[in-house]
Amino acid sequence: MKELLAISHDLLPSSAARGTVQHGTSEITRPNFSNLAPRGQISVTWARHLDEVRSAQRLRYSIFVGEMGARVQTPLAGHDIDSFDEYCEHLIVRDQNTQEVVGTYRVLTPVQSKRMGGNYTQTEFDLSSLSTIQDRMVELGRSCVHPNYRQGSVILSLWGALAEFMVRNHLDVMIGCASIPMLHNGAISGQAAASIWAQLKETHMAPVDLQVKPWLALPVDQYSTLQPIEPPALIRGYLKLGAKVLGAPAWDPDFNTADLPMLMRICDLPNRYRKHFLGH
């Protein structure tokens, strides 16, 4: 998923991606999330130095380019870097034995989105319908997990960190692009995305006043949707957390994906996940 997710107006610019850290101060509340991970296996932290961000960007490159066949323009070979990175906070999961970064999310806050002049999701969708919630809206992006670590503990640790981050900073809305791979056996096809969209628009659509439209729509009508195809695990996870689909998928030819716009609110978390992530 390239990307799903909200920070106060008084936040300072992100320092992590610029390689500088204000010791003894913090522009946002970053709690210690080590207790969310299986002891002795993985740890979850917010990047505070440029080298930590670079580690996340190398993982992203290996997943998006090496595994998904994406075409990226990057100023540094072997790294997935775009213009949004320096404005984002970067959440990383490490293997505690090897210290290798095995999972990551990036978070673009409302303040940083204004400094950047927008967010990534706006490059794929018309988000004018979300104008009333933009000041509470965080964008999640570039999420990925190393193939050897795609078990529940890693993604649950990431989600737990994100949920507590938002609550501590009085945020409640998350958005992003949930990606459905279109590369299958060397060929590009929108069949899976069309089937998944046909199912979810009947069961998980957001209210009409929040729905959005893609700039480059996937031609879903060209594909048969008679045979249901199960959504990717990450999308299924978001739906279990109460996420809603905002509209039809966009086509991202560079990443070989169909991207569903999704929105999730803390207030919509089912009780069992609220208790798991937030303790109440």
C-alpha atoms as a PDB file:
ATOM      1  CA  MET A   1       0.000   0.000   0.000  1.00  0.00           C
ATOM      2  CA  LYS A   2       1.442   3.378  -1.017  1.00  0.00           C
ATOM      3  CA  GLU A   3      -0.931   4.783   0.874  1.00  0.00           C
ATOM      4  CA  LEU A   4      -3.921   5.258   4.615  1.00  0.00           C
ATOM      5  CA  LEU A   5      -4.163   8.455   7.632  1.00  0.00           C
ATOM      6  CA  ALA A   6      -4.633  13.602  11.712  1.00  0.00           C
ATOM      7  CA  ILE A   7      -1.880  16.891  14.007  1.00  0.00           C
ATOM      8  CA  SER A   8      -2.404  20.071  15.856  1.00  0.00           C
ATOM      9  CA  HIS A   9      -1.935  23.452  14.166  1.00  0.00           C
ATOM     10  CA  ASP A  10       0.968  24.336  16.440  1.00  0.00           C
ATOM     11  CA  LEU A  11       3.283  21.570  15.202  1.00  0.00           C
ATOM     12  CA  LEU A  12       6.733  22.502  13.972  1.00  0.00           C
ATOM     13  CA  PRO A  13       8.183  21.256  10.669  1.00  0.00           C
ATOM     14  CA  SER A  14       9.342  17.656  10.656  1.00  0.00           C
ATOM     15  CA  SER A  15      13.046  17.379  11.467  1.00  0.00           C
ATOM     16  CA  ALA A  16      13.671  13.668  11.001  1.00  0.00           C
ATOM     17  CA  ALA A  17      13.824  13.673   7.218  1.00  0.00           C
ATOM     18  CA  ARG A  18      16.225  16.618   7.218  1.00  0.00           C
ATOM     19  CA  GLY A  19      18.671  14.739   9.402  1.00  0.00           C
ATOM     20  CA  THR A  20      18.350  17.078  12.394  1.00  0.00           C
ATOM     21  CA  VAL A  21      16.941  16.430  15.846  1.00  0.00           C
ATOM     22  CA  GLN A  22      16.010  18.961  18.512  1.00  0.00           C
ATOM     23  CA  HIS A  23      17.263  17.117  21.568  1.00  0.00           C
ATOM     24  CA  GLY A  24      15.118  17.640  24.641  1.00  0.00           C
ATOM     25  CA  THR A  25      12.168  18.916  22.595  1.00  0.00           C
ATOM     26  CA  SER A  26       9.674  17.406  20.233  1.00  0.00           C
ATOM     27  CA  GLU A  27       7.296  19.016  17.779  1.00  0.00           C
ATOM     28  CA  ILE A  28       4.826  16.173  18.329  1.00  0.00           C
ATOM     29  CA  THR A  29       4.162  13.655  21.044  1.00  0.00           C
ATOM     30  CA  ARG A  30       5.966  10.432  20.112  1.00  0.00           C
ATOM     31  CA  PRO A  31       5.270   7.842  22.823  1.00  0.00           C
ATOM     32  CA  ASN A  32       7.494   4.791  23.311  1.00  0.00           C
ATOM     33  CA  PHE A  33       5.821   1.914  21.502  1.00  0.00           C
ATOM     34  CA  SER A  34       8.264  -0.874  22.347  1.00  0.00           C
ATOM     35  CA  ASN A  35       5.648  -2.472  24.606  1.00  0.00           C
ATOM     36  CA  LEU A  36       3.410  -3.087  21.586  1.00  0.00           C
ATOM     37  CA  ALA A  37       5.889  -5.430  19.904  1.00  0.00           C
ATOM     38  CA  PRO A  38       6.697  -9.032  20.813  1.00  0.00           C
ATOM     39  CA  ARG A  39       9.578  -8.802  23.261  1.00  0.00           C
ATOM     40  CA  GLY A  40      12.920  -9.792  21.763  1.00  0.00           C
ATOM     41  CA  GLN A  41      11.590  -9.799  18.200  1.00  0.00           C
ATOM     42  CA  ILE A  42      10.612  -6.369  16.829  1.00  0.00           C
ATOM     43  CA  SER A  43      10.615  -2.761  17.986  1.00  0.00           C
ATOM     44  CA  VAL A  44       8.553   0.199  16.768  1.00  0.00           C
ATOM     45  CA  THR A  45      10.003   3.725  16.750  1.00  0.00           C
ATOM     46  CA  TRP A  46       9.686   7.092  15.009  1.00  0.00           C
ATOM     47  CA  ALA A  47      12.655   8.011  12.814  1.00  0.00           C
ATOM     48  CA  ARG A  48      14.669  10.889  14.270  1.00  0.00           C
ATOM     49  CA  HIS A  49      17.708  10.838  11.998  1.00  0.00           C
ATOM     50  CA  LEU A  50      18.182  10.903   8.237  1.00  0.00           C
ATOM     51  CA  ASP A  51      19.881   7.498   8.230  1.00  0.00           C
ATOM     52  CA  GLU A  52      16.738   5.966   9.770  1.00  0.00           C
ATOM     53  CA  VAL A  53      14.598   7.523   7.052  1.00  0.00           C
ATOM     54  CA  ARG A  54      17.016   6.206   4.427  1.00  0.00           C
ATOM     55  CA  SER A  55      16.597   2.690   5.835  1.00  0.00           C
ATOM     56  CA  ALA A  56      12.832   2.981   5.395  1.00  0.00           C
ATOM     57  CA  GLN A  57      13.280   4.299   1.866  1.00  0.00           C
ATOM     58  CA  ARG A  58      15.496   1.339   0.981  1.00  0.00           C
ATOM     59  CA  LEU A  59      12.824  -1.056   2.208  1.00  0.00           C
ATOM     60  CA  ARG A  60      10.197   0.793   0.191  1.00  0.00           C
ATOM     61  CA  TYR A  61      12.352   0.553  -2.933  1.00  0.00           C
ATOM     62  CA  SER A  62      12.852  -3.189  -2.522  1.00  0.00           C
ATOM     63  CA  ILE A  63       9.087  -3.728  -2.150  1.00  0.00           C
ATOM     64  CA  PHE A  64       7.667  -1.268  -4.646  1.00  0.00           C
ATOM     65  CA  VAL A  65      10.317  -1.617  -7.354  1.00  0.00           C
ATOM     66  CA  GLY A  66      11.747  -5.085  -6.747  1.00  0.00           C
ATOM     67  CA  GLU A  67       8.526  -6.866  -5.843  1.00  0.00           C
ATOM     68  CA  MET A  68       5.758  -4.823  -7.489  1.00  0.00           C
ATOM     69  CA  GLY A  69       7.645  -3.599 -10.552  1.00  0.00           C
ATOM     70  CA  ALA A  70       7.040   0.108  -9.901  1.00  0.00           C
ATOM     71  CA  ARG A  71       8.827   2.799 -11.859  1.00  0.00           C
ATOM     72  CA  VAL A  72      10.098   5.508  -9.528  1.00  0.00           C
ATOM     73  CA  GLN A  73      12.122   8.643 -10.080  1.00  0.00           C
ATOM     74  CA  THR A  74      14.573   8.928  -7.217  1.00  0.00           C
ATOM     75  CA  PRO A  75      17.590  11.120  -6.496  1.00  0.00           C
ATOM     76  CA  LEU A  76      19.355   8.236  -4.717  1.00  0.00           C
ATOM     77  CA  ALA A  77      19.794   4.798  -6.275  1.00  0.00           C
ATOM     78  CA  GLY A  78      18.117   1.957  -4.400  1.00  0.00           C
ATOM     79  CA  HIS A  79      15.862   4.303  -2.397  1.00  0.00           C
ATOM     80  CA  ASP A  80      12.200   5.229  -2.930  1.00  0.00           C
ATOM     81  CA  ILE A  81      12.265   8.999  -2.330  1.00  0.00           C
ATOM     82  CA  ASP A  82       9.682  11.571  -3.334  1.00  0.00           C
ATOM     83  CA  SER A  83       8.972  15.222  -2.575  1.00  0.00           C
ATOM     84  CA  PHE A  84       6.607  14.400   0.298  1.00  0.00           C
ATOM     85  CA  ASP A  85       9.160  12.487   2.381  1.00  0.00           C
ATOM     86  CA  GLU A  86      10.899  15.474   3.955  1.00  0.00           C
ATOM     87  CA  TYR A  87       7.562  16.783   5.252  1.00  0.00           C
ATOM     88  CA  CYS A  88       6.529  13.461   6.833  1.00  0.00           C
ATOM     89  CA  GLU A  89       7.056  11.638  10.100  1.00  0.00           C
ATOM     90  CA  HIS A  90       8.350   8.106   9.468  1.00  0.00           C
ATOM     91  CA  LEU A  91       7.312   5.138  11.604  1.00  0.00           C
ATOM     92  CA  ILE A  92       9.666   2.158  11.406  1.00  0.00           C
ATOM     93  CA  VAL A  93       9.670  -1.428  12.657  1.00  0.00           C
ATOM     94  CA  ARG A  94      13.025  -3.129  13.284  1.00  0.00           C
ATOM     95  CA  ASP A  95      14.065  -6.710  13.857  1.00  0.00           C
ATOM     96  CA  GLN A  96      15.659  -6.393  17.284  1.00  0.00           C
ATOM     97  CA  ASN A  97      18.253  -9.062  16.531  1.00  0.00           C
ATOM     98  CA  THR A  98      19.523  -7.663  13.211  1.00  0.00           C
ATOM     99  CA  GLN A  99      18.339  -4.025  13.556  1.00  0.00           C
ATOM    100  CA  GLU A 100      17.045  -4.292   9.984  1.00  0.00           C
ATOM    101  CA  VAL A 101      14.048  -2.106   9.135  1.00  0.00           C
ATOM    102  CA  VAL A 102      11.270  -4.553   8.221  1.00  0.00           C
ATOM    103  CA  GLY A 103       8.198  -2.314   8.144  1.00  0.00           C
ATOM    104  CA  THR A 104       7.349   1.346   7.686  1.00  0.00           C
ATOM    105  CA  TYR A 105       4.602   3.964   7.365  1.00  0.00           C
ATOM    106  CA  ARG A 106       4.940   7.657   6.702  1.00  0.00           C
ATOM    107  CA  VAL A 107       2.555  10.198   8.232  1.00  0.00           C
ATOM    108  CA  LEU A 108       1.796  13.611   6.722  1.00  0.00           C
ATOM    109  CA  THR A 109       0.129  15.957   9.206  1.00  0.00           C
ATOM    110  CA  PRO A 110      -2.270  18.808   8.322  1.00  0.00           C
ATOM    111  CA  VAL A 111       0.365  21.441   9.117  1.00  0.00           C
ATOM    112  CA  GLN A 112       2.975  19.762   6.946  1.00  0.00           C
ATOM    113  CA  SER A 113       0.443  19.153   4.187  1.00  0.00           C
ATOM    114  CA  LYS A 114      -0.209  22.896   4.070  1.00  0.00           C
ATOM    115  CA  ARG A 115       3.548  23.597   3.905  1.00  0.00           C
ATOM    116  CA  MET A 116       3.904  21.045   1.120  1.00  0.00           C
ATOM    117  CA  GLY A 117       0.886  22.434  -0.725  1.00  0.00           C
ATOM    118  CA  GLY A 118      -1.167  19.257  -0.507  1.00  0.00           C
ATOM    119  CA  ASN A 119      -0.833  15.540   0.085  1.00  0.00           C
ATOM    120  CA  TYR A 120      -0.106  12.489  -2.046  1.00  0.00           C
ATOM    121  CA  THR A 121      -3.727  11.348  -2.229  1.00  0.00           C
ATOM    122  CA  GLN A 122      -4.608  14.652  -3.916  1.00  0.00           C
ATOM    123  CA  THR A 123      -2.388  13.670  -6.844  1.00  0.00           C
ATOM    124  CA  GLU A 124      -4.790  10.777  -7.542  1.00  0.00           C
ATOM    125  CA  PHE A 125      -8.176  12.068  -6.344  1.00  0.00           C
ATOM    126  CA  ASP A 126     -10.252  15.235  -6.137  1.00  0.00           C
ATOM    127  CA  LEU A 127     -10.467  15.683  -2.342  1.00  0.00           C
ATOM    128  CA  SER A 128     -12.595  18.845  -2.334  1.00  0.00           C
ATOM    129  CA  SER A 129     -15.371  16.975  -0.498  1.00  0.00           C
ATOM    130  CA  LEU A 130     -13.016  16.518   2.480  1.00  0.00           C
ATOM    131  CA  SER A 131     -12.318  20.239   2.978  1.00  0.00           C
ATOM    132  CA  THR A 132     -14.296  20.404   6.222  1.00  0.00           C
ATOM    133  CA  ILE A 133     -12.120  17.750   7.901  1.00  0.00           C
ATOM    134  CA  GLN A 134      -8.698  18.626   6.436  1.00  0.00           C
ATOM    135  CA  ASP A 135      -7.498  20.241   9.668  1.00  0.00           C
ATOM    136  CA  ARG A 136      -8.022  16.910  11.480  1.00  0.00           C
ATOM    137  CA  MET A 137      -6.862  14.692   8.636  1.00  0.00           C
ATOM    138  CA  VAL A 138      -3.563  12.837   8.560  1.00  0.00           C
ATOM    139  CA  GLU A 139      -2.435  10.977   5.484  1.00  0.00           C
ATOM    140  CA  LEU A 140      -0.759   7.602   5.772  1.00  0.00           C
ATOM    141  CA  GLY A 141       1.482   6.664   2.920  1.00  0.00           C
ATOM    142  CA  ARG A 142       4.151   4.319   1.564  1.00  0.00           C
ATOM    143  CA  SER A 143       3.311   1.510   3.983  1.00  0.00           C
ATOM    144  CA  CYS A 144       5.104  -1.768   3.406  1.00  0.00           C
ATOM    145  CA  VAL A 145       6.402  -4.798   5.283  1.00  0.00           C
ATOM    146  CA  HIS A 146       9.346  -7.045   4.390  1.00  0.00           C
ATOM    147  CA  PRO A 147       8.048 -10.353   2.922  1.00  0.00           C
ATOM    148  CA  ASN A 148       9.675 -12.368   5.715  1.00  0.00           C
ATOM    149  CA  TYR A 149       7.741 -10.417   8.363  1.00  0.00           C
ATOM    150  CA  ARG A 150       4.212 -10.308   6.987  1.00  0.00           C
ATOM    151  CA  GLN A 151       2.615 -11.777  10.060  1.00  0.00           C
ATOM    152  CA  GLY A 152       0.110 -10.143  12.371  1.00  0.00           C
ATOM    153  CA  SER A 153       2.570  -8.855  14.960  1.00  0.00           C
ATOM    154  CA  VAL A 154       4.294  -6.370  12.632  1.00  0.00           C
ATOM    155  CA  ILE A 155       1.175  -4.767  11.194  1.00  0.00           C
ATOM    156  CA  LEU A 156      -0.574  -4.728  14.580  1.00  0.00           C
ATOM    157  CA  SER A 157       2.452  -2.980  16.075  1.00  0.00           C
ATOM    158  CA  LEU A 158       2.364  -0.358  13.321  1.00  0.00           C
ATOM    159  CA  TRP A 159      -1.363   0.204  13.760  1.00  0.00           C
ATOM    160  CA  GLY A 160      -1.045   0.396  17.542  1.00  0.00           C
ATOM    161  CA  ALA A 161       1.686   3.031  17.220  1.00  0.00           C
ATOM    162  CA  LEU A 162      -0.378   5.057  14.768  1.00  0.00           C
ATOM    163  CA  ALA A 163      -3.521   4.909  16.907  1.00  0.00           C
ATOM    164  CA  GLU A 164      -1.732   6.086  20.045  1.00  0.00           C
ATOM    165  CA  PHE A 165       0.105   8.784  18.074  1.00  0.00           C
ATOM    166  CA  MET A 166      -3.198  10.197  16.878  1.00  0.00           C
ATOM    167  CA  VAL A 167      -4.943  10.060  20.236  1.00  0.00           C
ATOM    168  CA  ARG A 168      -2.021  11.717  22.041  1.00  0.00           C
ATOM    169  CA  ASN A 169      -2.008  14.508  19.467  1.00  0.00           C
ATOM    170  CA  HIS A 170      -5.822  14.941  19.516  1.00  0.00           C
ATOM    171  CA  LEU A 171      -6.330  13.680  15.964  1.00  0.00           C
ATOM    172  CA  ASP A 172      -9.119  11.512  14.650  1.00  0.00           C
ATOM    173  CA  VAL A 173      -9.178  11.185  10.830  1.00  0.00           C
ATOM    174  CA  MET A 174      -6.924   9.100   8.603  1.00  0.00           C
ATOM    175  CA  ILE A 175      -6.882   8.893   4.805  1.00  0.00           C
ATOM    176  CA  GLY A 176      -4.763   7.277   2.161  1.00  0.00           C
ATOM    177  CA  CYS A 177      -4.559   5.212  -0.999  1.00  0.00           C
ATOM    178  CA  ALA A 178      -4.935   1.470  -0.427  1.00  0.00           C
ATOM    179  CA  SER A 179      -3.182  -0.227  -3.315  1.00  0.00           C
ATOM    180  CA  ILE A 180      -4.262  -3.328  -5.208  1.00  0.00           C
ATOM    181  CA  PRO A 181      -1.408  -4.789  -7.311  1.00  0.00           C
ATOM    182  CA  MET A 182      -2.191  -5.059 -11.029  1.00  0.00           C
ATOM    183  CA  LEU A 183       0.940  -6.958 -12.081  1.00  0.00           C
ATOM    184  CA  HIS A 184       0.162 -10.682 -12.329  1.00  0.00           C
ATOM    185  CA  ASN A 185       2.363 -13.201 -14.153  1.00  0.00           C
ATOM    186  CA  GLY A 186       4.054 -10.348 -15.973  1.00  0.00           C
ATOM    187  CA  ALA A 187       0.815  -8.816 -17.275  1.00  0.00           C
ATOM    188  CA  ILE A 188      -1.100  -5.733 -16.117  1.00  0.00           C
ATOM    189  CA  SER A 189      -4.791  -6.315 -15.360  1.00  0.00           C
ATOM    190  CA  GLY A 190      -7.467  -4.435 -13.448  1.00  0.00           C
ATOM    191  CA  GLN A 191      -9.600  -7.550 -12.973  1.00  0.00           C
ATOM    192  CA  ALA A 192      -8.897  -7.951  -9.258  1.00  0.00           C
ATOM    193  CA  ALA A 193      -9.405  -4.253  -8.512  1.00  0.00           C
ATOM    194  CA  ALA A 194     -12.681  -4.156 -10.437  1.00  0.00           C
ATOM    195  CA  SER A 195     -13.998  -7.158  -8.521  1.00  0.00           C
ATOM    196  CA  ILE A 196     -12.924  -5.769  -5.146  1.00  0.00           C
ATOM    197  CA  TRP A 197     -14.473  -2.369  -5.942  1.00  0.00           C
ATOM    198  CA  ALA A 198     -17.754  -4.015  -6.986  1.00  0.00           C
ATOM    199  CA  GLN A 199     -17.937  -5.740  -3.601  1.00  0.00           C
ATOM    200  CA  LEU A 200     -16.854  -2.876  -1.361  1.00  0.00           C
ATOM    201  CA  LYS A 201     -19.073  -0.210  -2.928  1.00  0.00           C
ATOM    202  CA  GLU A 202     -22.027  -2.306  -1.759  1.00  0.00           C
ATOM    203  CA  THR A 203     -20.792  -2.861   1.798  1.00  0.00           C
ATOM    204  CA  HIS A 204     -18.194  -0.288   2.911  1.00  0.00           C
ATOM    205  CA  MET A 205     -18.877   3.047   1.196  1.00  0.00           C
ATOM    206  CA  ALA A 206     -18.415   6.329   3.051  1.00  0.00           C
ATOM    207  CA  PRO A 207     -21.333   8.794   3.274  1.00  0.00           C
ATOM    208  CA  VAL A 208     -22.103  10.555  -0.007  1.00  0.00           C
ATOM    209  CA  ASP A 209     -20.854  13.939   1.244  1.00  0.00           C
ATOM    210  CA  LEU A 210     -17.343  12.482   1.781  1.00  0.00           C
ATOM    211  CA  GLN A 211     -17.000  10.565  -1.465  1.00  0.00           C
ATOM    212  CA  VAL A 212     -14.250  11.501  -3.940  1.00  0.00           C
ATOM    213  CA  LYS A 213     -13.474  10.951  -7.635  1.00  0.00           C
ATOM    214  CA  PRO A 214     -10.197   9.792  -9.227  1.00  0.00           C
ATOM    215  CA  TRP A 215      -8.316  11.965 -11.690  1.00  0.00           C
ATOM    216  CA  LEU A 216      -7.332   8.871 -13.714  1.00  0.00           C
ATOM    217  CA  ALA A 217     -10.051   6.309 -13.136  1.00  0.00           C
ATOM    218  CA  LEU A 218      -9.423   2.604 -13.536  1.00  0.00           C
ATOM    219  CA  PRO A 219     -11.792   1.461 -16.350  1.00  0.00           C
ATOM    220  CA  VAL A 220     -13.612  -0.974 -14.072  1.00  0.00           C
ATOM    221  CA  ASP A 221     -16.508  -1.452 -16.517  1.00  0.00           C
ATOM    222  CA  GLN A 222     -14.152  -3.282 -18.887  1.00  0.00           C
ATOM    223  CA  TYR A 223     -13.808  -6.191 -16.479  1.00  0.00           C
ATOM    224  CA  SER A 224     -16.188  -8.898 -15.349  1.00  0.00           C
ATOM    225  CA  THR A 225     -17.053  -8.798 -11.660  1.00  0.00           C
ATOM    226  CA  LEU A 226     -19.088 -12.006 -11.565  1.00  0.00           C
ATOM    227  CA  GLN A 227     -16.352 -13.917  -9.759  1.00  0.00           C
ATOM    228  CA  PRO A 228     -15.540 -12.269  -6.396  1.00  0.00           C
ATOM    229  CA  ILE A 229     -11.849 -11.753  -5.636  1.00  0.00           C
ATOM    230  CA  GLU A 230     -10.762 -11.359  -2.033  1.00  0.00           C
ATOM    231  CA  PRO A 231      -9.181  -7.977  -1.159  1.00  0.00           C
ATOM    232  CA  PRO A 232      -5.497  -7.906  -0.150  1.00  0.00           C
ATOM    233  CA  ALA A 233      -4.826  -8.628   3.528  1.00  0.00           C
ATOM    234  CA  LEU A 234      -4.014  -4.991   4.340  1.00  0.00           C
ATOM    235  CA  ILE A 235      -7.336  -3.744   2.935  1.00  0.00           C
ATOM    236  CA  ARG A 236      -9.193  -6.483   4.829  1.00  0.00           C
ATOM    237  CA  GLY A 237      -7.418  -5.294   7.970  1.00  0.00           C
ATOM    238  CA  TYR A 238      -8.460  -1.688   7.410  1.00  0.00           C
ATOM    239  CA  LEU A 239     -12.069  -2.735   6.908  1.00  0.00           C
ATOM    240  CA  LYS A 240     -12.016  -4.657  10.191  1.00  0.00           C
ATOM    241  CA  LEU A 241     -10.844  -1.433  11.860  1.00  0.00           C
ATOM    242  CA  GLY A 242     -13.909   0.402  10.552  1.00  0.00           C
ATOM    243  CA  ALA A 243     -12.416   2.022   7.432  1.00  0.00           C
ATOM    244  CA  LYS A 244     -14.667   3.222   4.610  1.00  0.00           C
ATOM    245  CA  VAL A 245     -14.069   3.439   0.871  1.00  0.00           C
ATOM    246  CA  LEU A 246     -14.355   6.984  -0.484  1.00  0.00           C
ATOM    247  CA  GLY A 247     -14.838   6.179  -4.156  1.00  0.00           C
ATOM    248  CA  ALA A 248     -13.839   4.218  -7.239  1.00  0.00           C
ATOM    249  CA  PRO A 249     -10.182   3.204  -7.726  1.00  0.00           C
ATOM    250  CA  ALA A 250      -7.617   5.337  -9.502  1.00  0.00           C
ATOM    251  CA  TRP A 251      -5.054   3.804 -11.832  1.00  0.00           C
ATOM    252  CA  ASP A 252      -1.404   4.423 -10.968  1.00  0.00           C
ATOM    253  CA  PRO A 253       0.583   3.235 -14.009  1.00  0.00           C
ATOM    254  CA  ASP A 254       3.951   3.994 -12.400  1.00  0.00           C
ATOM    255  CA  PHE A 255       3.305   1.686  -9.442  1.00  0.00           C
ATOM    256  CA  ASN A 256       1.265  -0.878 -11.383  1.00  0.00           C
ATOM    257  CA  THR A 257      -1.557  -0.527  -8.874  1.00  0.00           C
ATOM    258  CA  ALA A 258      -5.213   0.361  -8.616  1.00  0.00           C
ATOM    259  CA  ASP A 259      -5.605   2.676  -5.622  1.00  0.00           C
ATOM    260  CA  LEU A 260      -8.738   2.789  -3.489  1.00  0.00           C
ATOM    261  CA  PRO A 261      -9.256   6.014  -1.507  1.00  0.00           C
ATOM    262  CA  MET A 262      -9.988   5.071   2.100  1.00  0.00           C
ATOM    263  CA  LEU A 263     -10.863   6.904   5.298  1.00  0.00           C
ATOM    264  CA  MET A 264     -10.691   5.708   8.880  1.00  0.00           C
ATOM    265  CA  ARG A 265     -11.749   7.473  12.089  1.00  0.00           C
ATOM    266  CA  ILE A 266     -10.703   6.669  15.641  1.00  0.00           C
ATOM    267  CA  CYS A 267     -14.349   6.861  16.722  1.00  0.00           C
ATOM    268  CA  ASP A 268     -15.196   4.051  14.295  1.00  0.00           C
ATOM    269  CA  LEU A 269     -12.727   1.575  15.812  1.00  0.00           C
ATOM    270  CA  PRO A 270     -14.616  -1.511  17.011  1.00  0.00           C
ATOM    271  CA  ASN A 271     -14.475  -1.919  20.790  1.00  0.00           C
ATOM    272  CA  ARG A 272     -12.128  -4.900  20.732  1.00  0.00           C
ATOM    273  CA  TYR A 273      -9.549  -3.012  18.626  1.00  0.00           C
ATOM    274  CA  ARG A 274      -9.969   0.149  20.676  1.00  0.00           C
ATOM    275  CA  LYS A 275      -9.153  -1.860  23.790  1.00  0.00           C
ATOM    276  CA  HIS A 276      -6.210  -3.574  22.092  1.00  0.00           C
ATOM    277  CA  PHE A 277      -4.632  -0.406  20.695  1.00  0.00           C
ATOM    278  CA  LEU A 278      -5.668   2.221  23.252  1.00  0.00           C
ATOM    279  CA  GLY A 279      -6.412   0.212  26.403  1.00  0.00           C
ATOM    280  CA  HIS A 280     -10.016   1.411  26.750  1.00  0.00           C
END
